[in-house]
PDB file of N, CA and C in Angstrom:
ATOM      1  N   UNK A   1      30.854   6.894 -24.051  1.00  0.00           N
ATOM      2  CA  UNK A   1      31.834   6.958 -23.264  1.00  0.00           C
ATOM      3  C   UNK A   1      32.146   6.104 -22.167  1.00  0.00           C
ATOM      4  N   UNK A   2      32.752   5.652 -21.289  1.00  0.00           N
ATOM      5  CA  UNK A   2      33.309   4.883 -20.658  1.00  0.00           C
ATOM      6  C   UNK A   2      33.289   5.520 -19.559  1.00  0.00           C
ATOM      7  N   UNK A   3      34.221   4.476 -18.512  1.00  0.00           N
ATOM      8  CA  UNK A   3      34.648   4.901 -17.033  1.00  0.00           C
ATOM      9  C   UNK A   3      35.369   6.164 -17.545  1.00  0.00           C
ATOM     10  N   UNK A   4      35.156   7.343 -16.595  1.00  0.00           N
ATOM     11  CA  UNK A   4      35.991   8.625 -16.610  1.00  0.00           C
ATOM     12  C   UNK A   4      36.822   8.386 -15.613  1.00  0.00           C
ATOM     13  N   UNK A   5      36.860   8.038 -14.416  1.00  0.00           N
ATOM     14  CA  UNK A   5      37.589   8.743 -13.329  1.00  0.00           C
ATOM     15  C   UNK A   5      37.262   6.860 -12.139  1.00  0.00           C
ATOM     16  N   UNK A   6      37.999   6.738 -11.395  1.00  0.00           N
ATOM     17  CA  UNK A   6      37.896   5.629 -10.668  1.00  0.00           C
ATOM     18  C   UNK A   6      39.093   5.649  -8.988  1.00  0.00           C
ATOM     19  N   UNK A   7      38.401   4.992  -8.127  1.00  0.00           N
ATOM     20  CA  UNK A   7      39.362   5.377  -7.148  1.00  0.00           C
ATOM     21  C   UNK A   7      38.643   4.177  -5.849  1.00  0.00           C
ATOM     22  N   UNK A   8      39.892   4.105  -5.069  1.00  0.00           N
ATOM     23  CA  UNK A   8      39.043   3.588  -3.575  1.00  0.00           C
ATOM     24  C   UNK A   8      39.770   4.498  -2.850  1.00  0.00           C
ATOM     25  N   UNK A   9      38.600   4.024  -1.514  1.00  0.00           N
ATOM     26  CA  UNK A   9      39.149   5.011  -0.307  1.00  0.00           C
ATOM     27  C   UNK A   9      38.398   4.542   0.702  1.00  0.00           C
ATOM     28  N   UNK A  10      39.042   4.686   2.027  1.00  0.00           N
ATOM     29  CA  UNK A  10      39.108   4.778   3.560  1.00  0.00           C
ATOM     30  C   UNK A  10      38.508   5.947   4.169  1.00  0.00           C
ATOM     31  N   UNK A  11      36.952   6.083   4.084  1.00  0.00           N
ATOM     32  CA  UNK A  11      36.443   6.953   4.794  1.00  0.00           C
ATOM     33  C   UNK A  11      36.905   8.311   3.238  1.00  0.00           C
ATOM     34  N   UNK A  12      37.331   9.292   3.714  1.00  0.00           N
ATOM     35  CA  UNK A  12      37.253  10.118   3.123  1.00  0.00           C
ATOM     36  C   UNK A  12      38.708  10.199   2.539  1.00  0.00           C
ATOM     37  N   UNK A  13      39.737   9.338   2.405  1.00  0.00           N
ATOM     38  CA  UNK A  13      40.722   9.424   2.346  1.00  0.00           C
ATOM     39  C   UNK A  13      41.321   8.338   1.574  1.00  0.00           C
ATOM     40  N   UNK A  14      41.523   8.993   0.351  1.00  0.00           N
ATOM     41  CA  UNK A  14      41.695   8.172  -1.170  1.00  0.00           C
ATOM     42  C   UNK A  14      43.079   7.475  -1.119  1.00  0.00           C
ATOM     43  N   UNK A  15      42.739   6.243  -1.713  1.00  0.00           N
ATOM     44  CA  UNK A  15      43.872   5.466  -1.138  1.00  0.00           C
ATOM     45  C   UNK A  15      44.621   4.889  -2.836  1.00  0.00           C
ATOM     46  N   UNK A  16      43.383   5.058  -3.851  1.00  0.00           N
ATOM     47  CA  UNK A  16      44.094   4.449  -5.295  1.00  0.00           C
ATOM     48  C   UNK A  16      43.001   5.480  -5.872  1.00  0.00           C
ATOM     49  N   UNK A  17      43.907   5.313  -7.404  1.00  0.00           N
ATOM     50  CA  UNK A  17      43.053   6.380  -8.085  1.00  0.00           C
ATOM     51  C   UNK A  17      43.157   6.885  -9.547  1.00  0.00           C
ATOM     52  N   UNK A  18      42.546   6.221 -10.340  1.00  0.00           N
ATOM     53  CA  UNK A  18      42.806   6.508 -12.095  1.00  0.00           C
ATOM     54  C   UNK A  18      42.565   7.592 -12.678  1.00  0.00           C
ATOM     55  N   UNK A  19      42.406   8.274 -13.397  1.00  0.00           N
ATOM     56  CA  UNK A  19      42.263   8.979 -14.715  1.00  0.00           C
ATOM     57  C   UNK A  19      42.755   9.100 -15.480  1.00  0.00           C
ATOM     58  N   UNK A  20      42.150   8.912 -17.029  1.00  0.00           N
ATOM     59  CA  UNK A  20      42.852   9.226 -18.318  1.00  0.00           C
ATOM     60  C   UNK A  20      41.884  10.934 -18.712  1.00  0.00           C
ATOM     61  N   UNK A  21      41.884  11.695 -17.940  1.00  0.00           N
ATOM     62  CA  UNK A  21      41.382  12.766 -18.638  1.00  0.00           C
ATOM     63  C   UNK A  21      41.497  13.791 -17.109  1.00  0.00           C
ATOM     64  N   UNK A  22      41.043  15.202 -17.831  1.00  0.00           N
ATOM     65  CA  UNK A  22      41.161  16.152 -16.711  1.00  0.00           C
ATOM     66  C   UNK A  22      40.027  16.657 -15.951  1.00  0.00           C
ATOM     67  N   UNK A  23      40.447  17.430 -15.152  1.00  0.00           N
ATOM     68  CA  UNK A  23      39.314  18.039 -14.507  1.00  0.00           C
ATOM     69  C   UNK A  23      38.980  17.779 -13.041  1.00  0.00           C
ATOM     70  N   UNK A  24      38.131  18.224 -12.722  1.00  0.00           N
ATOM     71  CA  UNK A  24      38.191  18.727 -10.924  1.00  0.00           C
ATOM     72  C   UNK A  24      37.588  17.389 -10.422  1.00  0.00           C
ATOM     73  N   UNK A  25      38.296  16.097 -10.829  1.00  0.00           N
ATOM     74  CA  UNK A  25      37.092  14.810 -10.054  1.00  0.00           C
ATOM     75  C   UNK A  25      37.215  14.926  -8.229  1.00  0.00           C
ATOM     76  N   UNK A  26      38.826  14.973  -8.667  1.00  0.00           N
ATOM     77  CA  UNK A  26      39.178  15.075  -6.972  1.00  0.00           C
ATOM     78  C   UNK A  26      38.221  15.487  -5.969  1.00  0.00           C
ATOM     79  N   UNK A  27      37.619  16.672  -6.604  1.00  0.00           N
ATOM     80  CA  UNK A  27      37.306  17.960  -5.506  1.00  0.00           C
ATOM     81  C   UNK A  27      35.626  17.464  -5.441  1.00  0.00           C
ATOM     82  N   UNK A  28      35.097  17.064  -6.833  1.00  0.00           N
ATOM     83  CA  UNK A  28      34.210  16.619  -6.346  1.00  0.00           C
ATOM     84  C   UNK A  28      33.831  15.219  -5.706  1.00  0.00           C
ATOM     85  N   UNK A  29      34.774  13.661  -6.234  1.00  0.00           N
ATOM     86  CA  UNK A  29      34.669  13.190  -5.021  1.00  0.00           C
ATOM     87  C   UNK A  29      34.805  13.419  -3.498  1.00  0.00           C
ATOM     88  N   UNK A  30      35.632  14.133  -3.266  1.00  0.00           N
ATOM     89  CA  UNK A  30      35.933  14.279  -1.898  1.00  0.00           C
ATOM     90  C   UNK A  30      34.672  14.819  -0.969  1.00  0.00           C
ATOM     91  N   UNK A  31      33.888  15.861  -1.816  1.00  0.00           N
ATOM     92  CA  UNK A  31      32.674  16.195  -1.287  1.00  0.00           C
ATOM     93  C   UNK A  31      31.631  14.770  -0.991  1.00  0.00           C
ATOM     94  N   UNK A  32      31.431  14.263  -1.950  1.00  0.00           N
ATOM     95  CA  UNK A  32      30.592  12.515  -2.179  1.00  0.00           C
ATOM     96  C   UNK A  32      31.262  11.656  -0.784  1.00  0.00           C
ATOM     97  N   UNK A  33      32.792  11.527  -1.012  1.00  0.00           N
ATOM     98  CA  UNK A  33      33.098  10.808  -0.197  1.00  0.00           C
ATOM     99  C   UNK A  33      32.296  10.713   1.216  1.00  0.00           C
ATOM    100  N   UNK A  34      32.527  12.622   1.851  1.00  0.00           N
ATOM    101  CA  UNK A  34      32.092  13.374   2.997  1.00  0.00           C
ATOM    102  C   UNK A  34      30.968  12.389   3.805  1.00  0.00           C
ATOM    103  N   UNK A  35      30.019  12.028   1.861  1.00  0.00           N
ATOM    104  CA  UNK A  35      28.425  12.292   2.513  1.00  0.00           C
ATOM    105  C   UNK A  35      27.775  10.549   2.977  1.00  0.00           C
ATOM    106  N   UNK A  36      29.136   9.520   2.596  1.00  0.00           N
ATOM    107  CA  UNK A  36      28.388   8.146   2.044  1.00  0.00           C
ATOM    108  C   UNK A  36      28.753   8.442   3.753  1.00  0.00           C
ATOM    109  N   UNK A  37      27.460   7.465   4.078  1.00  0.00           N
ATOM    110  CA  UNK A  37      27.037   6.663   5.445  1.00  0.00           C
ATOM    111  C   UNK A  37      28.005   5.342   5.470  1.00  0.00           C
ATOM    112  N   UNK A  38      28.656   5.195   6.731  1.00  0.00           N
ATOM    113  CA  UNK A  38      29.717   4.143   6.695  1.00  0.00           C
ATOM    114  C   UNK A  38      28.906   2.919   6.401  1.00  0.00           C
ATOM    115  N   UNK A  39      27.688   2.716   6.549  1.00  0.00           N
ATOM    116  CA  UNK A  39      26.865   1.229   6.094  1.00  0.00           C
ATOM    117  C   UNK A  39      27.742   0.771   5.084  1.00  0.00           C
ATOM    118  N   UNK A  40      27.577  -0.405   4.606  1.00  0.00           N
ATOM    119  CA  UNK A  40      27.293  -1.006   3.499  1.00  0.00           C
ATOM    120  C   UNK A  40      26.264  -0.137   2.571  1.00  0.00           C
ATOM    121  N   UNK A  41      26.378   0.040   1.766  1.00  0.00           N
ATOM    122  CA  UNK A  41      25.487   0.780   0.537  1.00  0.00           C
ATOM    123  C   UNK A  41      26.594   0.512  -0.373  1.00  0.00           C
ATOM    124  N   UNK A  42      25.376   0.631  -1.442  1.00  0.00           N
ATOM    125  CA  UNK A  42      25.338   1.139  -3.265  1.00  0.00           C
ATOM    126  C   UNK A  42      24.020   1.929  -3.278  1.00  0.00           C
ATOM    127  N   UNK A  43      24.900   3.133  -4.371  1.00  0.00           N
ATOM    128  CA  UNK A  43      24.507   4.292  -5.130  1.00  0.00           C
ATOM    129  C   UNK A  43      24.848   5.209  -5.584  1.00  0.00           C
ATOM    130  N   UNK A  44      24.366   6.285  -6.221  1.00  0.00           N
ATOM    131  CA  UNK A  44      24.512   7.139  -7.233  1.00  0.00           C
ATOM    132  C   UNK A  44      24.473   8.351  -7.049  1.00  0.00           C
ATOM    133  N   UNK A  45      25.064   9.087  -6.983  1.00  0.00           N
ATOM    134  CA  UNK A  45      25.391  10.830  -7.411  1.00  0.00           C
ATOM    135  C   UNK A  45      25.103  11.711  -8.054  1.00  0.00           C
ATOM    136  N   UNK A  46      24.651  12.251  -8.915  1.00  0.00           N
ATOM    137  CA  UNK A  46      24.108  12.754  -9.784  1.00  0.00           C
ATOM    138  C   UNK A  46      25.377  14.207  -9.899  1.00  0.00           C
ATOM    139  N   UNK A  47      25.984  14.500 -10.528  1.00  0.00           N
ATOM    140  CA  UNK A  47      26.545  16.013 -10.856  1.00  0.00           C
ATOM    141  C   UNK A  47      26.748  16.444 -12.117  1.00  0.00           C
ATOM    142  N   UNK A  48      26.414  17.235 -12.700  1.00  0.00           N
ATOM    143  CA  UNK A  48      26.227  17.712 -13.578  1.00  0.00           C
ATOM    144  C   UNK A  48      25.821  16.921 -14.804  1.00  0.00           C
ATOM    145  N   UNK A  49      26.406  16.578 -15.774  1.00  0.00           N
ATOM    146  CA  UNK A  49      26.158  15.343 -16.218  1.00  0.00           C
ATOM    147  C   UNK A  49      26.688  14.317 -16.344  1.00  0.00           C
ATOM    148  N   UNK A  50      27.536  13.594 -15.022  1.00  0.00           N
ATOM    149  CA  UNK A  50      28.192  12.786 -14.632  1.00  0.00           C
ATOM    150  C   UNK A  50      27.738  12.436 -13.667  1.00  0.00           C
ATOM    151  N   UNK A  51      27.949  10.773 -13.616  1.00  0.00           N
ATOM    152  CA  UNK A  51      27.161  10.180 -12.581  1.00  0.00           C
ATOM    153  C   UNK A  51      28.633   9.375 -11.819  1.00  0.00           C
ATOM    154  N   UNK A  52      28.392   9.288 -10.299  1.00  0.00           N
ATOM    155  CA  UNK A  52      29.433   8.868  -9.437  1.00  0.00           C
ATOM    156  C   UNK A  52      28.553   7.685  -8.713  1.00  0.00           C
ATOM    157  N   UNK A  53      29.029   6.672  -9.532  1.00  0.00           N
ATOM    158  CA  UNK A  53      28.659   5.577  -8.377  1.00  0.00           C
ATOM    159  C   UNK A  53      29.599   4.910  -7.883  1.00  0.00           C
ATOM    160  N   UNK A  54      29.102   4.533  -6.842  1.00  0.00           N
ATOM    161  CA  UNK A  54      30.275   3.602  -5.534  1.00  0.00           C
ATOM    162  C   UNK A  54      29.654   2.305  -4.723  1.00  0.00           C
ATOM    163  N   UNK A  55      30.136   1.456  -4.302  1.00  0.00           N
ATOM    164  CA  UNK A  55      29.643   0.396  -3.896  1.00  0.00           C
ATOM    165  C   UNK A  55      30.734   0.528  -2.227  1.00  0.00           C
ATOM    166  N   UNK A  56      30.005   0.975  -1.157  1.00  0.00           N
ATOM    167  CA  UNK A  56      30.477   1.021   0.389  1.00  0.00           C
ATOM    168  C   UNK A  56      30.326  -0.125   0.750  1.00  0.00           C
ATOM    169  N   UNK A  57      31.703  -0.941   1.124  1.00  0.00           N
ATOM    170  CA  UNK A  57      31.528  -2.354   1.911  1.00  0.00           C
ATOM    171  C   UNK A  57      32.533  -2.496   2.622  1.00  0.00           C
ATOM    172  N   UNK A  58      32.283  -2.892   3.912  1.00  0.00           N
ATOM    173  CA  UNK A  58      33.431  -3.369   5.284  1.00  0.00           C
ATOM    174  C   UNK A  58      34.283  -2.299   4.657  1.00  0.00           C
ATOM    175  N   UNK A  59      33.754  -0.914   5.788  1.00  0.00           N
ATOM    176  CA  UNK A  59      34.890   0.650   5.491  1.00  0.00           C
ATOM    177  C   UNK A  59      35.512   0.727   4.547  1.00  0.00           C
ATOM    178  N   UNK A  60      35.617   0.334   3.012  1.00  0.00           N
ATOM    179  CA  UNK A  60      36.014   0.506   2.061  1.00  0.00           C
ATOM    180  C   UNK A  60      34.834   1.232   1.549  1.00  0.00           C
ATOM    181  N   UNK A  61      34.789   2.211  -0.292  1.00  0.00           N
ATOM    182  CA  UNK A  61      34.218   2.295  -0.804  1.00  0.00           C
ATOM    183  C   UNK A  61      35.282   2.889  -2.009  1.00  0.00           C
ATOM    184  N   UNK A  62      34.728   2.089  -3.302  1.00  0.00           N
ATOM    185  CA  UNK A  62      35.133   1.240  -4.464  1.00  0.00           C
ATOM    186  C   UNK A  62      34.278   2.666  -5.299  1.00  0.00           C
ATOM    187  N   UNK A  63      34.627   3.741  -6.108  1.00  0.00           N
ATOM    188  CA  UNK A  63      34.021   4.569  -6.973  1.00  0.00           C
ATOM    189  C   UNK A  63      34.414   5.003  -7.993  1.00  0.00           C
ATOM    190  N   UNK A  64      33.315   5.215  -8.984  1.00  0.00           N
ATOM    191  CA  UNK A  64      33.325   5.533 -10.463  1.00  0.00           C
ATOM    192  C   UNK A  64      32.716   6.658 -10.740  1.00  0.00           C
ATOM    193  N   UNK A  65      33.424   8.186 -12.195  1.00  0.00           N
ATOM    194  CA  UNK A  65      32.480   8.782 -12.735  1.00  0.00           C
ATOM    195  C   UNK A  65      32.078   7.910 -13.937  1.00  0.00           C
ATOM    196  N   UNK A  66      31.255   8.299 -14.633  1.00  0.00           N
ATOM    197  CA  UNK A  66      30.941   8.369 -16.137  1.00  0.00           C
ATOM    198  C   UNK A  66      29.909   9.260 -16.528  1.00  0.00           C
ATOM    199  N   UNK A  67      29.758   9.272 -17.231  1.00  0.00           N
ATOM    200  CA  UNK A  67      28.842  10.063 -18.693  1.00  0.00           C
ATOM    201  C   UNK A  67      27.506   9.496 -18.020  1.00  0.00           C
ATOM    202  N   UNK A  68      26.563  10.306 -18.082  1.00  0.00           N
ATOM    203  CA  UNK A  68      25.454   9.979 -17.654  1.00  0.00           C
ATOM    204  C   UNK A  68      24.732   9.178 -18.650  1.00  0.00           C
ATOM    205  N   UNK A  69      25.121   8.702 -19.834  1.00  0.00           N
ATOM    206  CA  UNK A  69      24.235   7.989 -20.863  1.00  0.00           C
ATOM    207  C   UNK A  69      24.657   6.762 -20.386  1.00  0.00           C
ATOM    208  N   UNK A  70      25.972   6.302 -19.980  1.00  0.00           N
ATOM    209  CA  UNK A  70      26.279   5.463 -20.195  1.00  0.00           C
ATOM    210  C   UNK A  70      25.616   4.107 -19.106  1.00  0.00           C
ATOM    211  N   UNK A  71      24.755   4.442 -18.513  1.00  0.00           N
ATOM    212  CA  UNK A  71      23.580   3.828 -17.428  1.00  0.00           C
ATOM    213  C   UNK A  71      24.812   3.661 -16.339  1.00  0.00           C
ATOM    214  N   UNK A  72      24.030   2.152 -15.628  1.00  0.00           N
ATOM    215  CA  UNK A  72      24.129   2.427 -14.683  1.00  0.00           C
ATOM    216  C   UNK A  72      24.675   0.581 -14.205  1.00  0.00           C
ATOM    217  N   UNK A  73      24.315  -0.171 -15.090  1.00  0.00           N
ATOM    218  CA  UNK A  73      24.866  -1.777 -14.882  1.00  0.00           C
ATOM    219  C   UNK A  73      26.448  -1.669 -15.040  1.00  0.00           C
ATOM    220  N   UNK A  74      26.709  -0.680 -16.207  1.00  0.00           N
ATOM    221  CA  UNK A  74      27.880  -1.397 -16.626  1.00  0.00           C
ATOM    222  C   UNK A  74      29.000  -0.914 -15.512  1.00  0.00           C
ATOM    223  N   UNK A  75      28.833   0.070 -15.040  1.00  0.00           N
ATOM    224  CA  UNK A  75      30.000   1.177 -13.863  1.00  0.00           C
ATOM    225  C   UNK A  75      29.993  -0.146 -13.019  1.00  0.00           C
ATOM    226  N   UNK A  76      28.210  -0.224 -12.597  1.00  0.00           N
ATOM    227  CA  UNK A  76      28.782  -1.592 -11.146  1.00  0.00           C
ATOM    228  C   UNK A  76      29.073  -2.575 -11.243  1.00  0.00           C
ATOM    229  N   UNK A  77      29.136  -3.189 -12.510  1.00  0.00           N
ATOM    230  CA  UNK A  77      30.112  -4.432 -12.411  1.00  0.00           C
ATOM    231  C   UNK A  77      31.414  -4.217 -12.841  1.00  0.00           C
ATOM    232  N   UNK A  78      32.144  -2.212 -13.310  1.00  0.00           N
ATOM    233  CA  UNK A  78      33.212  -2.091 -13.093  1.00  0.00           C
ATOM    234  C   UNK A  78      33.936  -2.171 -11.938  1.00  0.00           C
ATOM    235  N   UNK A  79      32.988  -1.582 -11.249  1.00  0.00           N
ATOM    236  CA  UNK A  79      32.738  -1.660  -9.208  1.00  0.00           C
ATOM    237  C   UNK A  79      33.357  -2.494  -9.148  1.00  0.00           C
ATOM    238  N   UNK A  80      32.583  -3.392  -8.804  1.00  0.00           N
ATOM    239  CA  UNK A  80      32.402  -4.989  -8.326  1.00  0.00           C
ATOM    240  C   UNK A  80      33.781  -5.705  -8.649  1.00  0.00           C
ATOM    241  N   UNK A  81      33.855  -5.556  -9.836  1.00  0.00           N
ATOM    242  CA  UNK A  81      35.483  -6.360 -10.080  1.00  0.00           C
ATOM    243  C   UNK A  81      36.664  -5.552  -9.940  1.00  0.00           C
ATOM    244  N   UNK A  82      36.724  -4.212  -9.341  1.00  0.00           N
ATOM    245  CA  UNK A  82      37.729  -3.419  -9.332  1.00  0.00           C
ATOM    246  C   UNK A  82      37.929  -3.748  -7.608  1.00  0.00           C
ATOM    247  N   UNK A  83      36.625  -4.496  -6.759  1.00  0.00           N
ATOM    248  CA  UNK A  83      37.080  -4.357  -5.542  1.00  0.00           C
ATOM    249  C   UNK A  83      37.450  -5.397  -5.178  1.00  0.00           C
ATOM    250  N   UNK A  84      36.946  -6.502  -6.286  1.00  0.00           N
ATOM    251  CA  UNK A  84      37.881  -8.317  -6.211  1.00  0.00           C
ATOM    252  C   UNK A  84      39.239  -7.929  -6.461  1.00  0.00           C
ATOM    253  N   UNK A  85      39.355  -7.013  -7.097  1.00  0.00           N
ATOM    254  CA  UNK A  85      40.884  -6.982  -7.141  1.00  0.00           C
ATOM    255  C   UNK A  85      41.738  -6.483  -7.089  1.00  0.00           C
ATOM    256  N   UNK A  86      40.999  -5.370  -6.000  1.00  0.00           N
ATOM    257  CA  UNK A  86      42.111  -4.696  -4.884  1.00  0.00           C
ATOM    258  C   UNK A  86      41.965  -5.263  -3.931  1.00  0.00           C
ATOM    259  N   UNK A  87      40.810  -6.306  -3.090  1.00  0.00           N
ATOM    260  CA  UNK A  87      40.984  -7.277  -1.998  1.00  0.00           C
ATOM    261  C   UNK A  87      42.463  -8.683  -2.277  1.00  0.00           C
ATOM    262  N   UNK A  88      41.953  -8.906  -3.602  1.00  0.00           N
ATOM    263  CA  UNK A  88      43.256 -10.018  -3.982  1.00  0.00           C
ATOM    264  C   UNK A  88      44.628  -9.239  -3.774  1.00  0.00           C
ATOM    265  N   UNK A  89      44.538  -7.977  -4.170  1.00  0.00           N
ATOM    266  CA  UNK A  89      45.939  -7.092  -3.671  1.00  0.00           C
ATOM    267  C   UNK A  89      46.376  -7.048  -2.648  1.00  0.00           C
ATOM    268  N   UNK A  90      45.309  -6.436  -1.531  1.00  0.00           N
ATOM    269  CA  UNK A  90      45.781  -5.912  -0.557  1.00  0.00           C
ATOM    270  C   UNK A  90      45.292  -6.811   0.443  1.00  0.00           C
ATOM    271  N   UNK A  91      45.409  -6.857   1.428  1.00  0.00           N
ATOM    272  CA  UNK A  91      44.467  -7.661   2.510  1.00  0.00           C
ATOM    273  C   UNK A  91      43.826  -6.317   3.621  1.00  0.00           C
ATOM    274  N   UNK A  92      42.704  -6.926   3.387  1.00  0.00           N
ATOM    275  CA  UNK A  92      41.330  -5.636   3.680  1.00  0.00           C
ATOM    276  C   UNK A  92      41.811  -4.806   4.883  1.00  0.00           C
ATOM    277  N   UNK A  93      42.576  -5.488   5.644  1.00  0.00           N
ATOM    278  CA  UNK A  93      42.797  -4.895   7.386  1.00  0.00           C
ATOM    279  C   UNK A  93      44.077  -3.693   7.287  1.00  0.00           C
ATOM    280  N   UNK A  94      44.924  -3.915   5.886  1.00  0.00           N
ATOM    281  CA  UNK A  94      46.166  -3.452   5.356  1.00  0.00           C
ATOM    282  C   UNK A  94      45.373  -2.015   5.061  1.00  0.00           C
ATOM    283  N   UNK A  95      44.085  -2.550   4.446  1.00  0.00           N
ATOM    284  CA  UNK A  95      43.392  -1.138   3.886  1.00  0.00           C
ATOM    285  C   UNK A  95      42.587  -0.591   5.170  1.00  0.00           C
ATOM    286  N   UNK A  96      42.001  -0.691   5.778  1.00  0.00           N
ATOM    287  CA  UNK A  96      41.705  -0.541   6.859  1.00  0.00           C
ATOM    288  C   UNK A  96      42.108   0.398   8.203  1.00  0.00           C
ATOM    289  N   UNK A  97      44.128  -0.038   8.069  1.00  0.00           N
ATOM    290  CA  UNK A  97      44.623   0.345   9.078  1.00  0.00           C
ATOM    291  C   UNK A  97      45.495   1.828   7.651  1.00  0.00           C
ATOM    292  N   UNK A  98      45.057   2.126   6.700  1.00  0.00           N
ATOM    293  CA  UNK A  98      45.851   2.742   5.572  1.00  0.00           C
ATOM    294  C   UNK A  98      45.605   4.376   6.499  1.00  0.00           C
ATOM    295  N   UNK A  99      46.509   5.189   6.522  1.00  0.00           N
ATOM    296  CA  UNK A  99      46.214   6.602   6.825  1.00  0.00           C
ATOM    297  C   UNK A  99      46.850   7.496   6.123  1.00  0.00           C
ATOM    298  N   UNK A 100      47.629   7.277   5.222  1.00  0.00           N
ATOM    299  CA  UNK A 100      47.992   8.245   4.304  1.00  0.00           C
ATOM    300  C   UNK A 100      47.294   8.213   3.002  1.00  0.00           C
ATOM    301  N   UNK A 101      46.706   9.353   2.476  1.00  0.00           N
ATOM    302  CA  UNK A 101      46.601   9.293   1.239  1.00  0.00           C
ATOM    303  C   UNK A 101      46.875   9.018  -0.445  1.00  0.00           C
ATOM    304  N   UNK A 102      46.476   8.318  -1.033  1.00  0.00           N
ATOM    305  CA  UNK A 102      47.510   7.648  -1.377  1.00  0.00           C
ATOM    306  C   UNK A 102      48.572   6.193  -1.666  1.00  0.00           C
ATOM    307  N   UNK A 103      48.304   6.499  -0.093  1.00  0.00           N
ATOM    308  CA  UNK A 103      48.754   5.334   0.005  1.00  0.00           C
ATOM    309  C   UNK A 103      49.438   3.717  -0.499  1.00  0.00           C
ATOM    310  N   UNK A 104      48.148   3.010  -1.603  1.00  0.00           N
ATOM    311  CA  UNK A 104      47.762   2.194  -2.250  1.00  0.00           C
ATOM    312  C   UNK A 104      47.732   2.508  -3.412  1.00  0.00           C
ATOM    313  N   UNK A 105      48.695   3.702  -4.152  1.00  0.00           N
ATOM    314  CA  UNK A 105      48.059   4.212  -5.492  1.00  0.00           C
ATOM    315  C   UNK A 105      48.495   3.664  -6.278  1.00  0.00           C
ATOM    316  N   UNK A 106      49.768   2.286  -6.073  1.00  0.00           N
ATOM    317  CA  UNK A 106      50.006   1.441  -6.843  1.00  0.00           C
ATOM    318  C   UNK A 106      48.903   0.614  -8.099  1.00  0.00           C
ATOM    319  N   UNK A 107      47.994   0.690  -6.622  1.00  0.00           N
ATOM    320  CA  UNK A 107      46.667  -0.385  -7.168  1.00  0.00           C
ATOM    321  C   UNK A 107      46.510   0.829  -8.894  1.00  0.00           C
ATOM    322  N   UNK A 108      46.521   2.077  -8.868  1.00  0.00           N
ATOM    323  CA  UNK A 108      46.096   2.711 -10.272  1.00  0.00           C
ATOM    324  C   UNK A 108      46.403   2.377 -11.227  1.00  0.00           C
ATOM    325  N   UNK A 109      47.901   1.295 -11.531  1.00  0.00           N
ATOM    326  CA  UNK A 109      48.335   1.078 -12.619  1.00  0.00           C
ATOM    327  C   UNK A 109      46.836  -0.119 -13.137  1.00  0.00           C
ATOM    328  N   UNK A 110      46.426  -0.886 -11.678  1.00  0.00           N
ATOM    329  CA  UNK A 110      45.120  -1.639 -12.061  1.00  0.00           C
ATOM    330  C   UNK A 110      43.842  -1.336 -12.681  1.00  0.00           C
ATOM    331  N   UNK A 111      43.283  -0.316 -12.093  1.00  0.00           N
ATOM    332  CA  UNK A 111      42.526   0.292 -12.535  1.00  0.00           C
ATOM    333  C   UNK A 111      42.873   0.952 -14.068  1.00  0.00           C
ATOM    334  N   UNK A 112      43.502   1.346 -13.794  1.00  0.00           N
ATOM    335  CA  UNK A 112      44.069   2.213 -15.710  1.00  0.00           C
ATOM    336  C   UNK A 112      43.670   1.055 -16.620  1.00  0.00           C
ATOM    337  N   UNK A 113      44.195  -1.027 -16.067  1.00  0.00           N
ATOM    338  CA  UNK A 113      43.936  -1.576 -17.072  1.00  0.00           C
ATOM    339  C   UNK A 113      42.817  -2.110 -17.571  1.00  0.00           C
ATOM    340  N   UNK A 114      42.321  -1.956 -16.258  1.00  0.00           N
ATOM    341  CA  UNK A 114      40.379  -2.240 -16.171  1.00  0.00           C
ATOM    342  C   UNK A 114      40.220  -1.353 -16.914  1.00  0.00           C
ATOM    343  N   UNK A 115      39.863  -0.025 -16.842  1.00  0.00           N
ATOM    344  CA  UNK A 115      39.243   0.919 -17.314  1.00  0.00           C
ATOM    345  C   UNK A 115      39.647   1.116 -19.239  1.00  0.00           C
TER     346      UNK A 115
END
């Protein structure tokens, strides 16, 4: 299996997301986003048989969900690439000042291509 769901958020505000599956991903990720400290970090949360990997850097969180058999190396490489693509498309200041949920959801097309 591959990456199932991915998003970019500022705090608990999801700026862009994409999935090609159905499920309660948004509910679970909102709970996880609420637990992520504001400092720069990189971690994996386990939920059921899924792993939620994230990179939090300079106020923005890049997260993906993958099956627990998929490992960690590939999802974190995916997140690093997604982070670089996002910052190439949007100035960091614009993302940090975004207040509307899904206000940058046009980036979901980029996430879809990357997945």
